[in-house]
Amino acid sequence: MKIVLASGNAGKIKELQQMLAGLHVQVVPQRELDIDDIEETGLCFVENAILKARHAASISGMPAIADDSGLEVDLLQGAPGIFSARFSGEDASDRDNNQKLLDLLGDAPLHQRTARYQCVIVFMRHANDPTPIICQGSWEGYIAFTEKGDGGFGYDPLFYVQDLNCHAAEIDKQQKNLISHRGIAMRELLKKLTITKSLS
């Protein structure tokens, strides 16, 4: 079976393909099928993930998986949230977004810089699927004062994981996939897909 992965984010595609390797299906990034990103007009992660999955399934005629994720910072009332990828503008780079986040937090002490990554993953059997599988994962941390590490993407260089005393961008890929928001959501999805397959 082929599944279209509704994402144009190279970092997400790489992570999701690694996590889906055990599913024994062919995962095809939407750009290989000439499917462009759809405008994310939803008001929450769930709505945006459904929009992306439905769009990819509709054009490809294949089942689709979509992820919508972002960073919530408590001191900023949950921002950047669903706007994480475009926090400092539509064509913002990761560095631009990280710098804006640092500027907004200023010299707030670490205990006030609590944050979490959120991820929602949606699986749709077809574009008109009335009951898509929806899975969610969270990863708690803090926003550090400086960037560290050269792994990961997005806000990973600033995301400080207290239990490991390091930044997300310093964590080994396999370990990150075990503890991250996306890893948690993906394991839930794999479990649900396995149950669905066994019942069919």
Protein backbone atom coordinates (compact mmCIF):
# COMPACT_ATOMS: atom_id res chain seq x y z
CA MET A 1 0.00 0.00 0.00
CA LYS A 2 1.10 3.53 -0.76
CA ILE A 3 0.42 6.42 1.60
CA VAL A 4 0.97 10.06 0.65
CA LEU A 5 2.72 12.16 3.28
CA ALA A 6 1.13 15.60 3.25
CA SER A 7 4.09 17.76 4.11
CA GLY A 8 6.59 19.96 2.33
CA ASN A 9 8.83 20.33 5.39
CA ALA A 10 12.04 18.39 4.72
CA GLY A 11 12.76 17.90 8.44
CA LYS A 12 9.28 16.54 9.15
CA ILE A 13 9.37 14.27 6.09
CA LYS A 14 12.65 12.73 7.21
CA GLU A 15 11.43 12.14 10.77
CA LEU A 16 8.06 10.75 9.71
CA GLN A 17 9.57 8.41 7.11
CA GLN A 18 11.91 7.01 9.78
CA MET A 19 9.00 6.44 12.15
CA LEU A 20 6.82 4.84 9.47
CA ALA A 21 9.55 2.43 8.34
CA GLY A 22 8.06 -0.38 10.41
CA LEU A 23 4.62 -0.06 8.81
CA HIS A 24 5.73 -1.92 5.64
CA VAL A 25 4.07 0.57 3.32
CA GLN A 26 5.49 2.92 0.73
CA VAL A 27 5.39 6.49 2.03
CA VAL A 28 5.39 9.05 -0.78
CA PRO A 29 6.00 12.75 0.02
CA GLN A 30 3.34 14.86 -1.67
CA ARG A 31 5.85 16.86 -3.69
CA GLU A 32 6.85 13.69 -5.55
CA LEU A 33 3.25 13.69 -6.80
CA ASP A 34 3.33 17.42 -7.66
CA ILE A 35 0.96 18.24 -4.82
CA ASP A 36 1.50 21.72 -3.42
CA ASP A 37 0.98 22.72 0.20
CA ILE A 38 -2.56 23.82 1.01
CA GLU A 39 -3.17 27.05 2.90
CA GLU A 40 -3.45 26.33 6.62
CA THR A 41 -6.66 28.15 7.48
CA GLY A 42 -7.59 26.07 10.52
CA LEU A 43 -7.81 27.54 14.00
CA CYS A 44 -6.03 24.65 15.71
CA PHE A 45 -3.54 21.86 14.99
CA VAL A 46 -6.33 19.30 14.44
CA GLU A 47 -8.08 21.40 11.81
CA ASN A 48 -4.87 22.11 9.91
CA ALA A 49 -3.80 18.46 9.93
CA ILE A 50 -7.18 17.39 8.56
CA LEU A 51 -7.04 20.07 5.86
CA LYS A 52 -3.62 18.87 4.73
CA ALA A 53 -4.50 15.16 4.79
CA ARG A 54 -7.78 15.69 2.90
CA HIS A 55 -6.05 17.84 0.28
CA ALA A 56 -3.34 15.25 -0.38
CA ALA A 57 -5.80 12.34 -0.42
CA SER A 58 -8.15 14.18 -2.79
CA ILE A 59 -5.47 14.92 -5.39
CA SER A 60 -3.54 11.63 -5.12
CA GLY A 61 -6.43 9.23 -4.65
CA MET A 62 -4.31 7.57 -1.94
CA PRO A 63 -4.60 7.32 1.83
CA ALA A 64 -2.86 10.28 3.46
CA ILE A 65 -1.00 11.12 6.62
CA ALA A 66 -0.59 14.73 7.73
CA ASP A 67 1.08 16.30 10.72
CA ASP A 68 0.49 19.73 12.19
CA SER A 69 2.74 20.72 15.00
CA GLY A 70 4.21 23.69 16.74
CA LEU A 71 5.54 25.26 19.88
CA GLU A 72 3.46 26.70 22.72
CA VAL A 73 5.20 29.14 25.08
CA ASP A 74 3.28 29.85 28.28
CA LEU A 75 4.66 33.36 28.79
CA LEU A 76 3.37 34.22 25.29
CA GLN A 77 -0.12 32.80 25.97
CA GLY A 78 0.53 29.78 23.77
CA ALA A 79 2.23 31.57 20.87
CA PRO A 80 3.57 30.83 18.34
CA GLY A 81 1.22 27.81 18.30
CA ILE A 82 -0.25 27.07 14.87
CA PHE A 83 1.86 29.91 13.46
CA SER A 84 5.16 28.34 14.56
CA ALA A 85 6.53 27.86 11.03
CA ARG A 86 5.68 31.42 10.00
CA PHE A 87 6.15 33.16 13.34
CA SER A 88 8.27 35.96 11.89
CA GLY A 89 6.71 36.02 8.41
CA GLU A 90 5.46 33.81 5.59
CA ASP A 91 8.95 33.00 4.29
CA ALA A 92 10.62 32.93 7.69
CA SER A 93 13.65 30.74 8.28
CA ASP A 94 14.14 28.71 11.45
CA ARG A 95 16.78 31.20 12.54
CA ASP A 96 14.37 34.12 12.02
CA ASN A 97 11.69 32.42 14.12
CA ASN A 98 14.13 31.51 16.87
CA GLN A 99 15.43 35.06 17.04
CA LYS A 100 11.92 36.51 17.29
CA LEU A 101 11.15 34.10 20.12
CA LEU A 102 14.30 35.14 22.00
CA ASP A 103 13.49 38.83 21.48
CA LEU A 104 9.95 38.41 22.85
CA LEU A 105 11.06 36.48 25.93
CA GLY A 106 13.87 38.92 26.67
CA ASP A 107 15.55 38.29 30.00
CA ALA A 108 12.67 36.34 31.57
CA PRO A 109 14.15 33.73 33.96
CA LEU A 110 14.18 30.08 32.93
CA HIS A 111 11.35 29.05 35.28
CA GLN A 112 9.07 31.46 33.38
CA ARG A 113 10.11 30.12 29.97
CA THR A 114 8.06 26.90 30.13
CA ALA A 115 7.00 25.57 26.75
CA ARG A 116 5.92 22.46 24.95
CA TYR A 117 5.92 21.05 21.49
CA GLN A 118 2.52 19.83 20.29
CA CYS A 119 1.88 17.44 17.42
CA VAL A 120 -1.32 16.20 15.84
CA ILE A 121 -1.10 13.45 13.21
CA VAL A 122 -4.10 12.57 11.06
CA PHE A 123 -4.61 9.50 8.88
CA MET A 124 -7.36 9.57 6.25
CA ARG A 125 -8.26 6.47 4.23
CA HIS A 126 -9.62 8.71 1.46
CA ALA A 127 -10.57 12.35 0.98
CA ASN A 128 -14.13 11.83 2.22
CA ASP A 129 -13.16 9.75 5.26
CA PRO A 130 -15.78 10.70 7.91
CA THR A 131 -13.75 9.23 10.76
CA PRO A 132 -10.07 10.08 10.30
CA ILE A 133 -7.66 8.69 12.87
CA ILE A 134 -6.38 11.58 15.00
CA CYS A 135 -3.39 11.20 17.34
CA GLN A 136 -1.72 13.77 19.57
CA GLY A 137 1.57 14.06 21.42
CA SER A 138 3.22 16.69 23.67
CA TRP A 139 6.81 17.28 24.74
CA GLU A 140 7.49 19.54 27.74
CA GLY A 141 10.54 21.80 28.02
CA TYR A 142 11.86 25.33 28.39
CA ILE A 143 13.04 28.01 25.99
CA ALA A 144 16.76 28.49 26.58
CA PHE A 145 18.65 31.78 26.31
CA THR A 146 20.93 30.64 23.49
CA GLU A 147 20.85 28.08 20.69
CA LYS A 148 22.74 24.80 21.05
CA GLY A 149 23.15 21.77 18.80
CA ASP A 150 23.08 21.25 15.06
CA GLY A 151 20.50 18.46 14.83
CA GLY A 152 16.75 18.64 14.42
CA PHE A 153 14.98 21.64 12.94
CA GLY A 154 12.61 24.45 13.85
CA TYR A 155 12.93 25.52 17.48
CA ASP A 156 15.03 22.49 18.49
CA PRO A 157 18.21 24.57 19.13
CA LEU A 158 16.28 26.60 21.75
CA PHE A 159 14.13 23.83 23.25
CA TYR A 160 15.76 22.79 26.54
CA VAL A 161 14.85 19.34 27.86
CA GLN A 162 15.44 19.43 31.61
CA ASP A 163 15.40 15.65 32.17
CA LEU A 164 18.29 15.23 29.73
CA ASN A 165 19.99 18.55 30.53
CA CYS A 166 20.39 19.36 26.85
CA HIS A 167 18.68 21.03 23.92
CA ALA A 168 16.50 19.11 21.47
CA ALA A 169 19.00 19.82 18.69
CA GLU A 170 21.65 17.93 20.68
CA ILE A 171 19.64 14.71 21.01
CA ASP A 172 20.38 11.63 18.90
CA LYS A 173 17.70 11.06 16.22
CA GLN A 174 16.67 7.66 17.52
CA GLN A 175 16.32 8.95 21.07
CA LYS A 176 14.41 12.00 19.90
CA ASN A 177 11.94 9.81 18.02
CA LEU A 178 11.24 7.97 21.29
CA ILE A 179 10.50 11.00 23.45
CA SER A 180 9.37 13.79 21.13
CA HIS A 181 5.82 15.03 20.54
CA ARG A 182 5.93 13.62 17.01
CA GLY A 183 7.27 10.28 18.20
CA ILE A 184 4.50 9.95 20.80
CA ALA A 185 1.78 10.81 18.26
CA MET A 186 3.24 8.48 15.65
CA ARG A 187 3.41 5.51 18.02
CA GLU A 188 -0.26 6.06 18.86
CA LEU A 189 -1.08 6.16 15.14
CA LEU A 190 0.89 2.97 14.41
CA LYS A 191 -0.92 1.21 17.25
CA LYS A 192 -4.33 2.31 15.96
CA LEU A 193 -3.48 1.34 12.37
CA THR A 194 -2.34 -2.10 13.54
CA ILE A 195 -5.59 -2.61 15.48
CA THR A 196 -7.65 -1.40 12.50
CA LYS A 197 -5.82 -3.78 10.16
CA SER A 198 -6.32 -6.75 12.50
CA LEU A 199 -10.06 -6.06 12.70
CA SER A 200 -10.55 -5.69 8.96
